[in-house]
Protein backbone atom coordinates (compact mmCIF):
# COMPACT_ATOMS: atom_id res chain seq x y z
CA MET A 1 48.56 146.49 75.18
CA PHE A 2 52.33 146.16 75.30
CA GLY A 3 52.18 146.51 79.09
CA VAL A 4 49.60 143.71 79.39
CA ALA A 5 51.64 141.50 77.06
CA ILE A 6 54.79 142.07 79.13
CA TRP A 7 52.91 141.29 82.36
CA LEU A 8 51.46 138.04 80.93
CA THR A 9 54.87 137.03 79.57
CA ASP A 10 56.45 137.53 82.98
CA MET A 11 53.67 135.48 84.59
CA VAL A 12 54.06 132.43 82.32
CA THR A 13 57.89 132.43 82.34
CA ARG A 14 58.63 133.21 85.99
CA LEU A 15 60.52 130.60 88.06
CA GLU A 16 59.94 130.44 91.80
CA PRO A 17 62.96 129.77 94.08
CA ASP A 18 63.24 126.54 96.02
CA PRO A 19 62.76 127.54 99.69
CA ILE A 20 64.59 124.47 101.00
CA ALA A 21 67.58 124.68 98.65
CA THR A 22 67.95 128.42 99.21
CA ASN A 23 67.01 128.27 102.92
CA THR A 24 64.58 131.16 102.48
CA TYR A 25 61.45 129.69 104.06
CA ARG A 26 59.93 131.10 107.22
CA PRO A 27 60.08 128.86 110.32
CA ASP A 28 56.33 129.25 110.86
CA LYS A 29 55.62 128.18 107.29
CA MET A 30 57.32 124.84 106.84
CA PRO A 31 57.83 123.98 103.18
CA PHE A 32 57.80 120.19 103.54
CA GLN A 33 55.21 117.56 104.40
CA MET A 34 56.40 115.21 107.14
CA ALA A 35 55.04 111.67 107.44
CA SER A 36 56.48 108.78 109.47
CA VAL A 37 55.48 105.30 110.59
CA PHE A 38 56.76 103.59 113.74
CA THR A 39 56.05 100.08 114.98
CA GLY A 40 56.20 98.27 118.29
CA GLN A 41 58.64 95.70 116.93
CA PRO A 42 61.39 95.75 114.31
CA VAL A 43 60.24 95.30 110.73
CA ASP A 44 62.20 93.25 108.24
CA PRO A 45 63.03 95.55 105.31
CA ASP A 46 62.77 92.66 102.85
CA THR A 47 59.26 91.53 103.71
CA GLY A 48 57.63 93.48 100.88
CA TYR A 49 55.76 96.72 100.36
CA GLU A 50 53.51 96.65 103.43
CA TYR A 51 54.09 100.24 104.53
CA THR A 52 52.89 102.40 101.71
CA VAL A 53 51.83 106.03 101.53
CA SER A 54 49.63 107.35 98.73
CA TYR A 55 49.79 111.08 98.06
CA ALA A 56 46.92 112.43 95.98
CA ASP A 57 44.69 115.42 95.46
CA SER A 58 41.57 115.75 97.55
CA GLY A 59 38.09 116.63 96.42
CA THR A 60 38.35 119.70 98.66
CA PRO A 61 40.45 122.51 97.13
CA GLY A 62 43.64 123.23 99.03
CA MET A 63 43.67 119.83 100.76
CA ALA A 64 45.87 116.77 100.18
CA ASN A 65 44.78 113.14 100.46
CA ILE A 66 47.47 111.18 102.34
CA THR A 67 46.66 107.49 102.77
CA PHE A 68 48.69 105.06 104.88
CA PHE A 69 48.69 101.28 104.38
CA VAL A 70 49.83 99.67 107.66
CA GLN A 71 49.73 96.34 109.47
CA PRO A 72 47.83 96.41 112.79
CA ALA A 73 49.80 93.39 114.05
CA ASP A 74 52.92 95.60 114.27
CA ASP A 75 51.14 98.13 116.52
CA PRO A 76 51.94 101.04 114.16
CA ILE A 77 52.14 104.70 115.12
CA ILE A 78 51.61 107.32 112.41
CA LEU A 79 53.09 110.81 112.59
CA LEU A 80 51.79 113.47 110.23
CA SER A 81 52.57 117.17 110.11
CA SER A 82 50.11 119.93 109.31
CA ARG A 83 50.95 123.59 108.94
CA THR A 84 47.63 125.08 110.05
CA ASP A 85 44.58 122.98 110.86
CA PRO A 86 44.79 119.47 112.35
CA PRO A 87 44.46 116.67 109.80
CA GLU A 88 41.19 114.79 109.50
CA CYS A 89 41.89 111.07 109.53
CA TYR A 90 39.63 108.03 109.02
CA LEU A 91 39.83 104.26 109.04
CA VAL A 92 38.55 103.12 105.65
CA ASP A 93 37.61 99.70 104.38
CA ALA A 94 38.90 100.16 100.84
CA PHE A 95 41.26 102.46 98.99
CA PHE A 96 38.47 103.67 96.69
CA ALA A 97 36.23 104.75 99.57
CA ASP A 98 34.13 107.90 99.36
CA ASP A 99 35.94 111.24 99.52
CA PRO A 100 35.66 112.10 102.35
CA PRO A 101 34.89 108.70 103.91
CA ARG A 102 31.64 108.17 105.75
CA SER A 103 33.33 106.38 108.62
CA GLU A 104 34.01 108.01 111.98
CA SER A 105 37.06 110.23 112.16
CA LEU A 106 40.10 109.37 114.26
CA GLY A 107 41.47 111.56 117.02
CA ALA A 108 45.08 112.70 116.87
CA ASP A 109 47.47 113.85 119.60
CA ILE A 110 49.32 117.06 118.82
CA LEU A 111 53.09 117.11 119.24
CA ASN A 112 55.55 119.94 118.85
CA ASP A 113 58.51 119.59 116.53
CA GLU A 114 60.62 122.47 117.80
CA GLN A 115 63.57 121.61 115.57
CA ASN A 116 61.52 122.11 112.40
CA SER A 117 59.03 124.64 113.87
CA GLN A 118 56.01 122.65 112.83
CA LYS A 119 52.97 120.94 114.27
CA VAL A 120 53.01 117.14 114.25
CA TYR A 121 50.05 114.89 114.99
CA ARG A 122 50.25 111.34 116.30
CA LEU A 123 47.75 108.70 115.23
CA ARG A 124 47.47 105.53 117.25
CA PRO A 125 43.96 104.29 116.62
CA ALA A 126 42.28 101.23 118.08
CA TRP A 127 42.38 98.79 115.20
CA PRO A 128 39.10 96.90 114.66
CA ASP A 129 41.01 93.71 113.82
CA PRO A 130 44.60 93.67 115.19
CA ALA A 131 45.29 90.44 113.28
CA ALA A 132 44.29 91.96 109.92
CA GLU A 133 46.93 91.83 107.22
CA GLN A 134 46.45 95.48 106.29
CA GLN A 135 44.58 98.55 107.47
CA ILE A 136 44.03 101.77 105.55
CA VAL A 137 44.20 105.14 107.31
CA ARG A 138 43.22 108.14 105.19
CA CYS A 139 44.11 111.68 106.26
CA TYR A 140 43.23 115.07 104.81
CA ALA A 141 45.74 117.83 105.52
CA PRO A 142 46.33 121.30 104.03
CA SER A 143 48.30 120.84 100.84
CA LEU A 144 51.92 122.02 100.92
CA THR A 145 52.48 121.80 97.17
CA ARG A 146 54.05 124.88 95.66
CA PHE A 147 54.43 126.28 92.16
CA GLU A 148 57.95 126.09 90.72
CA SER A 149 56.84 127.64 87.44
CA PHE A 150 53.55 128.51 85.79
CA THR A 151 52.90 124.88 84.85
CA SER A 152 54.92 122.79 87.32
CA ARG A 153 54.18 121.99 90.95
CA VAL A 154 56.41 120.51 93.66
CA ILE A 155 55.85 118.74 96.96
CA ASP A 156 58.70 118.21 99.43
CA LEU A 157 58.36 115.14 101.67
CA PHE A 158 60.30 114.35 104.84
CA PHE A 159 60.49 111.02 106.70
CA ASP A 160 61.47 111.83 110.30
CA ASP A 161 63.01 108.93 112.21
CA VAL A 162 62.77 110.49 115.69
CA PRO A 163 60.32 108.48 117.86
CA PRO A 164 57.38 110.41 119.31
CA PRO A 165 57.32 111.32 123.01
CA HIS A 166 56.38 108.50 125.42
CA ALA A 167 57.16 105.96 122.68
CA GLU A 168 60.92 105.73 122.95
CA ASP A 169 60.79 101.98 122.35
CA ALA A 170 59.09 102.42 118.97
CA TYR A 171 60.97 101.33 115.86
CA VAL A 172 60.91 103.39 112.71
CA VAL A 173 60.12 101.40 109.58
CA PRO A 174 63.14 101.19 107.25
CA ARG A 175 61.40 102.88 104.33
CA LEU A 176 58.06 104.00 102.96
CA LEU A 177 56.80 103.36 99.46
CA TYR A 178 55.24 106.57 98.13
CA ARG A 179 52.71 106.44 95.30
CA PHE A 180 51.72 109.52 93.32
CA SER A 181 49.30 108.06 90.79
CA GLY A 182 46.35 109.93 92.33
CA ILE A 183 47.48 113.46 91.48
CA VAL A 184 44.93 114.91 89.07
CA GLN A 185 46.27 116.18 85.72
CA ALA A 186 49.87 115.27 86.66
CA ARG A 187 52.22 114.80 83.72
CA ASP A 188 55.93 113.98 83.55
CA LEU A 189 56.66 113.24 87.21
CA SER A 190 60.29 113.69 88.24
CA PHE A 191 61.97 112.96 91.57
CA ARG A 192 64.86 114.45 93.49
CA GLY A 193 65.80 112.00 96.20
CA GLY A 194 64.24 108.68 97.03
CA VAL A 195 65.05 105.25 95.60
CA GLU A 196 63.62 103.99 92.35
CA LEU A 197 61.90 100.61 92.31
CA GLN A 198 63.66 98.07 90.14
CA GLU A 199 60.95 95.45 89.75
CA GLY A 200 57.45 94.51 90.83
CA ARG A 201 54.04 95.93 90.20
CA ASP A 202 55.02 99.32 91.63
CA ALA A 203 58.18 99.66 89.52
CA ARG A 204 56.93 102.60 87.48
CA GLU A 205 57.43 106.32 87.23
CA THR A 206 54.78 107.19 89.81
CA SER A 207 56.33 105.41 92.84
CA ARG A 208 59.48 105.89 94.92
CA PHE A 209 60.98 104.57 98.15
CA LEU A 210 61.79 107.13 100.84
CA GLY A 211 64.16 106.02 103.59
CA ALA A 212 64.07 107.13 107.22
CA ASN A 213 65.58 110.54 107.99
CA ALA A 214 65.54 111.49 104.32
CA MET A 215 63.79 114.03 102.11
CA MET A 216 62.34 113.74 98.62
CA SER A 217 61.01 116.36 96.20
CA VAL A 218 58.43 115.40 93.59
CA GLN A 219 57.76 117.63 90.60
CA TRP A 220 55.09 117.31 87.93
CA GLU A 221 53.48 119.30 85.14
CA GLN A 222 49.84 120.29 85.43
CA ALA A 223 48.03 119.49 82.17
CA GLY A 224 45.41 122.18 82.78
CA ARG A 225 48.06 124.83 83.42
CA GLN A 226 49.88 123.80 80.24
CA SER A 227 46.70 124.39 78.23
CA LEU A 228 46.20 127.74 79.94
CA ARG A 229 49.81 128.72 79.17
CA ASP A 230 49.33 127.92 75.48
CA THR A 231 46.19 130.05 75.43
CA LEU A 232 47.97 132.93 77.13
CA LEU A 233 50.80 132.74 74.59
CA ILE A 234 48.23 133.19 71.82
CA VAL A 235 46.73 136.13 73.71
CA ILE A 236 50.20 137.65 74.13
CA GLY A 237 50.89 137.36 70.39
CA THR A 238 47.50 138.89 69.58
CA LEU A 239 48.08 141.82 71.94
CA ILE A 240 51.49 142.49 70.41
CA GLY A 241 50.02 142.35 66.90
CA ILE A 242 47.19 144.73 67.79
CA GLY A 243 49.62 147.03 69.58
CA VAL A 244 51.91 147.19 66.55
CA THR A 245 48.94 147.90 64.26
CA VAL A 246 47.68 150.69 66.50
CA MET A 247 51.17 152.16 66.70
CA ILE A 248 51.54 152.13 62.91
CA GLU A 249 48.15 153.84 62.49
CA ALA A 250 49.17 156.45 65.05
CA VAL A 251 52.41 157.39 63.28
CA LYS A 252 51.06 157.01 59.73
CA PRO A 253 50.04 160.72 59.38
CA TYR A 254 53.53 161.82 60.40
CA LEU A 255 55.09 159.45 57.87
CA GLU A 256 52.86 160.79 55.13
CA GLU A 257 53.78 164.35 56.07
CA LEU A 258 57.46 163.48 55.77
CA GLU A 259 56.90 162.04 52.31
CA ASN A 260 54.75 165.00 51.05
CA PRO A 261 55.87 168.19 52.80
CA ARG A 262 53.39 171.04 52.77
CA ALA A 263 54.02 174.41 51.01
CA PRO A 264 54.99 177.46 53.15
CA ALA A 265 52.03 179.23 54.75
CA GLY A 266 52.75 182.64 52.99
CA ALA A 267 52.93 181.15 49.54
CA ALA A 268 49.63 179.42 49.96
CA SER A 269 47.79 182.75 50.50
CA GLU A 270 49.05 184.42 47.26
CA ALA A 271 46.84 184.02 44.19
CA PRO A 272 48.55 182.68 41.08
CA ILE A 273 49.21 185.21 38.30
CA SER A 274 47.52 184.32 34.98
CA SER A 275 49.41 184.26 31.73
CA ALA A 276 47.02 186.83 30.26
CA ALA A 277 47.89 189.35 32.93
CA GLN A 278 51.58 188.89 32.29
CA SER A 279 51.38 189.59 28.44
CA PRO A 280 51.38 193.30 27.30
CA PRO A 281 48.11 194.74 25.84
CA SER A 282 47.78 194.61 22.03
CA PRO A 283 47.57 197.98 20.14
CA GLN A 284 44.07 199.21 19.28
CA GLN A 285 43.20 198.72 15.55
CA ASP A 286 41.62 201.54 13.45
CA PRO A 287 38.14 200.90 12.25
CA PRO A 288 37.84 200.15 8.55
CA SER A 289 37.23 203.25 6.25
CA SER A 290 33.97 203.79 4.38
CA ALA A 291 35.87 204.12 1.10
């Protein structure tokens, strides 16, 4: 029981190292999610929040929902990395479309990012209405979130500003607005990197600006894991209590023997001598005479 309690305690208190900060990640297992947007013409950085990326959980376990809000009039090009399988991307009519959407999927060209040893996919779909103010592209890619502790998770995001091959005249957008309000059970989001919004409808704790050629780490607490941790702490305390009780019951006979030592084995076999046997025999009295 003590062994199980120690194992559970180590599980709920262990801290995982940051592979990027410690430079301990394998080249074939990139630790960060890369996403970039390029346009055919320069974009004014003060025009608003047109280029937005929403990072959320997907209905499929192990997958991330990455949604891009772009303007077809700028002829945008989307770059998205994926560690293993190619991302599945769709043009959707609304942000709250079905998961996954029922629309036809978009094809993506695979590129090689030799510098970061990762697979990058280029999306340049044929927009149904090039004059539309906004178009939504939703992609599903293997999630690269990692556990930093038993309850906290982290995602590392990278905005690469290198234009894709055969698009040297493309212009990288100055910044992307990332939203993280769609992460299920996320509590207490914290950011390392990025620029905080000062005003506007997105000026809240779930959104950050990420500039070109920059990286941002987002950490949050999982509410479900916090509940599980509290339950495991109760189990750990119960196991320790039961273990102590069992240990006390196991050593109780030895404690009692120390308090009441037994008599020597030879003395126990001798019969006690009675007081009558120890007293001398009384003299025999004469019978009374007939006279």
